[in-house]
Amino acid sequence: MNEDLRADLLAMVDQDNRVRAELVSTGELFDGYNSRMAEVHQQNAMKLDAIVEAVGWPGMSLVGDAGAEAAWLVLLHAIANPELQRRCLPLLKAAAETGEIPAFHFACLEDRICVFEGRAQRYGTQFDWDESGMLSPHPLQNSDRVDEYRRSVGLGPLSAKIEEVQLRAAAEGDKPPRDFRKRQKEKDDWARSVGWR
């Protein structure tokens, strides 16, 4: 195991969590993509990009369970780097197939890419406020089979995840946007500005 690389990945996630907690405490996290959070995500994305270039995807045999989890979280949060996420998707698929990462790591990234590209997601891992003010999954490719898809990658039923996400939002003070249509336009404009669409 590469202890130095593992420590670097864990430090990136610690910084992400620390800044996120500060922004939750002030209520700043929930009003668009906060510039401090974006800066952390961008810095971590650049570091992860260099790691992937040097060693490929850092799976469990290289950085342990916690290191592999950290690499995945850094990648998921690299939302302003569509090329990095797209380039890593097949790497995560291969790593999941060889047991180097849990299969749900690949599933979450695939869903995230679909959502940012304006397409329906397969596994129901990505959530946002809907027009009726409920925190709900983004549109699904096949709502009748979503729990089957989730089971195939080690995830529990979507209904349980919806409850978990809504409880966490309430605990953190996250609320629906005041103007749903304005928020949707801002998200679409941002997705175009960074190259998702």
Protein backbone atom coordinates (compact mmCIF):
# COMPACT_ATOMS: atom_id res chain seq x y z
CA MET A 1 0.00 0.00 0.00
CA ASN A 2 1.13 3.55 -0.78
CA GLU A 3 0.76 5.25 2.61
CA ASP A 4 1.81 8.69 1.33
CA LEU A 5 -0.81 8.65 -1.43
CA ARG A 6 -3.44 7.37 0.99
CA ALA A 7 -2.61 10.22 3.40
CA ASP A 8 -2.80 12.79 0.58
CA LEU A 9 -6.25 11.55 -0.46
CA LEU A 10 -7.54 11.55 3.11
CA ALA A 11 -6.21 15.09 3.62
CA MET A 12 -8.12 16.27 0.54
CA VAL A 13 -11.38 14.87 1.90
CA ASP A 14 -10.69 16.27 5.38
CA GLN A 15 -10.28 19.75 3.89
CA ASP A 16 -13.47 19.31 1.83
CA ASN A 17 -15.41 18.19 4.93
CA ARG A 18 -14.01 21.01 7.06
CA VAL A 19 -14.99 23.74 4.59
CA ARG A 20 -18.37 22.12 4.00
CA ALA A 21 -19.08 22.02 7.76
CA GLU A 22 -18.16 25.71 8.09
CA LEU A 23 -20.49 26.63 5.23
CA VAL A 24 -23.32 24.50 6.64
CA SER A 25 -22.95 26.25 10.00
CA THR A 26 -23.34 29.68 8.39
CA GLY A 27 -26.03 28.58 5.92
CA GLU A 28 -23.83 29.62 2.96
CA LEU A 29 -23.56 26.13 1.48
CA PHE A 30 -27.11 26.02 0.23
CA ASP A 31 -27.25 29.19 -1.84
CA GLY A 32 -25.78 28.10 -5.17
CA TYR A 33 -22.27 26.70 -5.62
CA ASN A 34 -20.29 28.49 -2.92
CA SER A 35 -17.01 29.94 -4.19
CA ARG A 36 -14.99 28.60 -1.21
CA MET A 37 -16.35 25.11 -1.79
CA ALA A 38 -15.69 25.42 -5.52
CA GLU A 39 -12.07 26.41 -4.84
CA VAL A 40 -11.50 23.34 -2.63
CA HIS A 41 -13.10 21.09 -5.24
CA GLN A 42 -10.95 22.59 -7.99
CA GLN A 43 -7.70 22.24 -6.04
CA ASN A 44 -8.52 18.64 -5.13
CA ALA A 45 -9.52 17.84 -8.72
CA MET A 46 -6.16 19.04 -9.99
CA LYS A 47 -4.34 16.86 -7.46
CA LEU A 48 -6.50 13.84 -8.30
CA ASP A 49 -5.94 14.39 -12.02
CA ALA A 50 -2.18 14.21 -11.44
CA ILE A 51 -2.59 11.06 -9.33
CA VAL A 52 -4.69 9.33 -12.00
CA GLU A 53 -2.18 10.33 -14.65
CA ALA A 54 0.65 8.82 -12.59
CA VAL A 55 -0.89 5.60 -11.20
CA GLY A 56 -4.31 5.10 -12.80
CA TRP A 57 -7.33 4.83 -10.53
CA PRO A 58 -6.19 4.47 -6.89
CA GLY A 59 -8.05 1.39 -5.75
CA MET A 60 -8.04 -0.48 -2.45
CA SER A 61 -4.88 -2.49 -3.12
CA LEU A 62 -2.93 0.77 -3.62
CA VAL A 63 -4.47 3.08 -1.00
CA GLY A 64 -6.67 0.88 1.20
CA ASP A 65 -10.41 1.12 1.70
CA ALA A 66 -10.35 4.63 3.18
CA GLY A 67 -8.01 5.92 0.48
CA ALA A 68 -10.16 4.49 -2.32
CA GLU A 69 -13.25 6.02 -0.72
CA ALA A 70 -11.47 9.38 -0.48
CA ALA A 71 -10.39 9.28 -4.14
CA TRP A 72 -14.00 8.60 -5.15
CA LEU A 73 -15.34 11.47 -3.04
CA VAL A 74 -12.80 13.88 -4.50
CA LEU A 75 -13.82 12.77 -8.00
CA LEU A 76 -17.55 13.12 -7.25
CA HIS A 77 -16.94 16.64 -6.01
CA ALA A 78 -14.92 17.60 -9.11
CA ILE A 79 -18.13 18.86 -10.69
CA ALA A 80 -16.49 21.74 -12.56
CA ASN A 81 -14.19 19.24 -14.29
CA PRO A 82 -16.38 17.27 -16.69
CA GLU A 83 -13.43 15.89 -18.64
CA LEU A 84 -11.89 14.42 -15.47
CA GLN A 85 -15.16 12.78 -14.45
CA ARG A 86 -15.79 11.44 -17.95
CA ARG A 87 -12.22 10.15 -18.27
CA CYS A 88 -12.42 8.39 -14.91
CA LEU A 89 -15.79 6.70 -15.52
CA PRO A 90 -14.31 3.72 -17.45
CA LEU A 91 -11.50 3.51 -14.89
CA LEU A 92 -14.05 3.18 -12.09
CA LYS A 93 -16.00 0.60 -14.07
CA ALA A 94 -12.87 -1.50 -14.52
CA ALA A 95 -11.92 -1.07 -10.84
CA ALA A 96 -15.40 -2.15 -9.74
CA GLU A 97 -15.25 -5.22 -12.00
CA THR A 98 -11.95 -6.31 -10.41
CA GLY A 99 -13.09 -5.59 -6.83
CA GLU A 100 -10.74 -2.63 -6.38
CA ILE A 101 -13.68 -0.37 -5.43
CA PRO A 102 -17.31 -0.97 -4.44
CA ALA A 103 -19.60 -1.08 -7.48
CA PHE A 104 -21.70 1.81 -6.18
CA HIS A 105 -18.72 4.15 -6.69
CA PHE A 106 -19.07 3.64 -10.44
CA ALA A 107 -22.88 3.91 -10.25
CA CYS A 108 -22.80 7.26 -8.43
CA LEU A 109 -20.34 8.74 -10.90
CA GLU A 110 -22.33 7.50 -13.88
CA ASP A 111 -25.51 9.05 -12.43
CA ARG A 112 -23.74 12.33 -11.68
CA ILE A 113 -22.43 12.60 -15.23
CA CYS A 114 -25.90 11.83 -16.64
CA VAL A 115 -27.50 14.54 -14.48
CA PHE A 116 -24.92 17.20 -15.38
CA GLU A 117 -25.31 16.34 -19.04
CA GLY A 118 -29.09 16.77 -18.71
CA ARG A 119 -29.94 13.06 -19.03
CA ALA A 120 -31.91 10.71 -16.77
CA GLN A 121 -29.96 8.71 -14.18
CA ARG A 122 -30.01 4.91 -13.78
CA TYR A 123 -29.38 4.28 -10.07
CA GLY A 124 -31.18 7.20 -8.40
CA THR A 125 -28.14 8.48 -6.52
CA GLN A 126 -28.44 12.18 -7.43
CA PHE A 127 -30.96 14.44 -5.67
CA ASP A 128 -32.16 18.02 -5.81
CA TRP A 129 -35.16 20.14 -4.88
CA ASP A 130 -38.10 19.58 -7.21
CA GLU A 131 -40.78 22.03 -8.32
CA SER A 132 -43.05 21.10 -5.41
CA GLY A 133 -40.32 21.87 -2.85
CA MET A 134 -39.36 18.26 -2.11
CA LEU A 135 -35.82 16.91 -2.12
CA SER A 136 -36.16 14.15 -4.69
CA PRO A 137 -34.07 12.05 -7.06
CA HIS A 138 -33.33 13.58 -10.44
CA PRO A 139 -35.34 11.93 -13.26
CA LEU A 140 -34.79 8.18 -13.62
CA GLN A 141 -34.19 6.14 -16.77
CA ASN A 142 -36.52 3.42 -15.49
CA SER A 143 -38.36 3.98 -12.22
CA ASP A 144 -39.80 0.45 -12.29
CA ARG A 145 -36.33 -1.10 -12.25
CA VAL A 146 -34.37 1.42 -10.20
CA ASP A 147 -34.28 -0.75 -7.07
CA GLU A 148 -33.05 -3.68 -9.17
CA TYR A 149 -30.26 -1.49 -10.56
CA ARG A 150 -29.43 -0.28 -7.06
CA ARG A 151 -29.25 -3.82 -5.69
CA SER A 152 -26.86 -4.80 -8.49
CA VAL A 153 -24.29 -2.28 -7.17
CA GLY A 154 -24.88 -2.86 -3.47
CA LEU A 155 -27.29 0.00 -2.76
CA GLY A 156 -30.47 -0.26 -0.71
CA PRO A 157 -33.97 0.69 -1.88
CA LEU A 158 -34.47 4.17 -3.29
CA SER A 159 -37.30 4.87 -0.82
CA ALA A 160 -34.86 4.48 2.10
CA LYS A 161 -32.33 6.77 0.41
CA ILE A 162 -34.98 9.43 -0.20
CA GLU A 163 -35.85 9.42 3.50
CA GLU A 164 -32.16 9.59 4.48
CA VAL A 165 -31.45 12.51 2.13
CA GLN A 166 -34.50 14.45 3.29
CA LEU A 167 -33.64 13.93 6.98
CA ARG A 168 -30.06 15.09 6.41
CA ALA A 169 -31.23 18.20 4.58
CA ALA A 170 -33.59 19.07 7.41
CA ALA A 171 -30.86 18.54 10.01
CA GLU A 172 -28.46 20.81 8.10
CA GLY A 173 -31.06 23.51 7.44
CA ASP A 174 -31.13 23.01 3.67
CA LYS A 175 -34.35 24.39 2.17
CA PRO A 176 -35.90 24.54 -1.30
CA PRO A 177 -34.86 27.50 -3.45
CA ARG A 178 -37.15 30.51 -3.22
CA ASP A 179 -37.44 30.62 -7.01
CA PHE A 180 -37.29 27.13 -8.53
CA ARG A 181 -37.14 28.27 -12.16
CA LYS A 182 -34.38 30.78 -11.46
CA ARG A 183 -32.38 28.07 -9.65
CA GLN A 184 -32.82 25.69 -12.60
CA LYS A 185 -31.63 28.34 -15.04
CA GLU A 186 -28.59 29.09 -12.88
CA LYS A 187 -27.73 25.37 -12.75
CA ASP A 188 -28.16 24.99 -16.51
CA ASP A 189 -26.07 28.10 -17.21
CA TRP A 190 -23.33 26.82 -14.88
CA ALA A 191 -23.35 23.35 -16.51
CA ARG A 192 -22.87 24.97 -19.91
CA SER A 193 -20.16 27.31 -18.63
CA VAL A 194 -17.93 24.47 -17.43
CA GLY A 195 -18.54 22.21 -20.43
CA TRP A 196 -21.15 19.71 -19.31
CA ARG A 197 -23.52 20.66 -22.13
